[in-house]
Amino acid sequence: MKIHIPVLENMLAMARQHVALEQEAARKYKRDQRVDEQAGAKIEMPAEDTNRTIQFDEPKKNPP
């Protein structure tokens, strides 16, 4: 026979939600740290190509 005590069930639900919120915050923090590390990367020209100019192709037009 199970005894249901609503107050205890609510407290348990709140504790589980709190843990879930902490885990989500930790995942978000880790994701933000990875994004920050990638944003710090620099793109540099190779040393032997410093005098070469960079040319871009004309943008492609969408068909009508």
Protein backbone atom coordinates (compact mmCIF):
# COMPACT_ATOMS: atom_id res chain seq x y z
CA MET A 1 0.00 0.00 0.00
CA LYS A 2 1.41 3.35 -1.07
CA ILE A 3 0.92 6.46 0.98
CA HIS A 4 0.86 9.72 -0.94
CA ILE A 5 1.89 12.85 0.90
CA PRO A 6 1.47 15.77 -1.50
CA VAL A 7 3.84 18.08 0.38
CA LEU A 8 6.69 15.56 0.21
CA GLU A 9 5.96 14.80 -3.44
CA ASN A 10 6.10 18.54 -4.22
CA MET A 11 9.39 18.91 -2.34
CA LEU A 12 10.87 15.99 -4.26
CA ALA A 13 9.68 17.44 -7.57
CA MET A 14 11.25 20.80 -6.68
CA ALA A 15 14.56 19.13 -5.78
CA ARG A 16 14.58 17.22 -9.08
CA GLN A 17 13.81 20.40 -11.03
CA HIS A 18 16.59 22.23 -9.21
CA VAL A 19 19.08 19.51 -10.19
CA ALA A 20 17.86 19.66 -13.78
CA LEU A 21 18.33 23.45 -13.84
CA GLU A 22 21.87 23.12 -12.47
CA GLN A 23 22.72 20.49 -15.09
CA GLU A 24 21.33 22.70 -17.87
CA ALA A 25 23.36 25.66 -16.60
CA ALA A 26 26.50 23.49 -16.56
CA ARG A 27 25.85 22.33 -20.16
CA LYS A 28 25.29 25.93 -21.27
CA TYR A 29 28.50 27.06 -19.55
CA LYS A 30 30.54 24.30 -21.24
CA ARG A 31 28.99 25.15 -24.63
CA ASP A 32 29.76 28.85 -24.17
CA GLN A 33 33.35 28.04 -23.20
CA ARG A 34 33.81 26.03 -26.42
CA VAL A 35 32.33 28.85 -28.51
CA ASP A 36 34.64 31.38 -26.83
CA GLU A 37 37.67 29.19 -27.56
CA GLN A 38 36.71 28.91 -31.22
CA ALA A 39 36.05 32.64 -31.48
CA GLY A 40 39.61 33.34 -30.35
CA ALA A 41 41.09 31.47 -33.33
CA LYS A 42 42.90 33.62 -35.88
CA ILE A 43 43.14 33.07 -39.60
CA GLU A 44 46.55 34.02 -40.91
CA MET A 45 48.04 33.91 -44.37
CA PRO A 46 50.95 31.51 -44.76
CA ALA A 47 54.33 33.24 -44.58
CA GLU A 48 55.19 32.53 -48.24
CA ASP A 49 51.95 34.07 -49.58
CA THR A 50 52.15 37.51 -47.99
CA ASN A 51 52.44 39.37 -51.33
CA ARG A 52 49.61 37.55 -53.10
CA THR A 53 46.27 39.33 -53.39
CA ILE A 54 43.07 37.51 -52.60
CA GLN A 55 40.35 37.47 -55.26
CA PHE A 56 36.77 36.44 -54.79
CA ASP A 57 34.50 35.11 -57.53
CA GLU A 58 31.41 36.98 -58.57
CA PRO A 59 28.37 36.02 -56.47
CA LYS A 60 26.16 33.46 -58.12
CA LYS A 61 22.70 34.60 -59.13
CA ASN A 62 19.64 32.57 -58.30
CA PRO A 63 17.65 31.33 -61.31
CA PRO A 64 14.31 33.13 -61.83
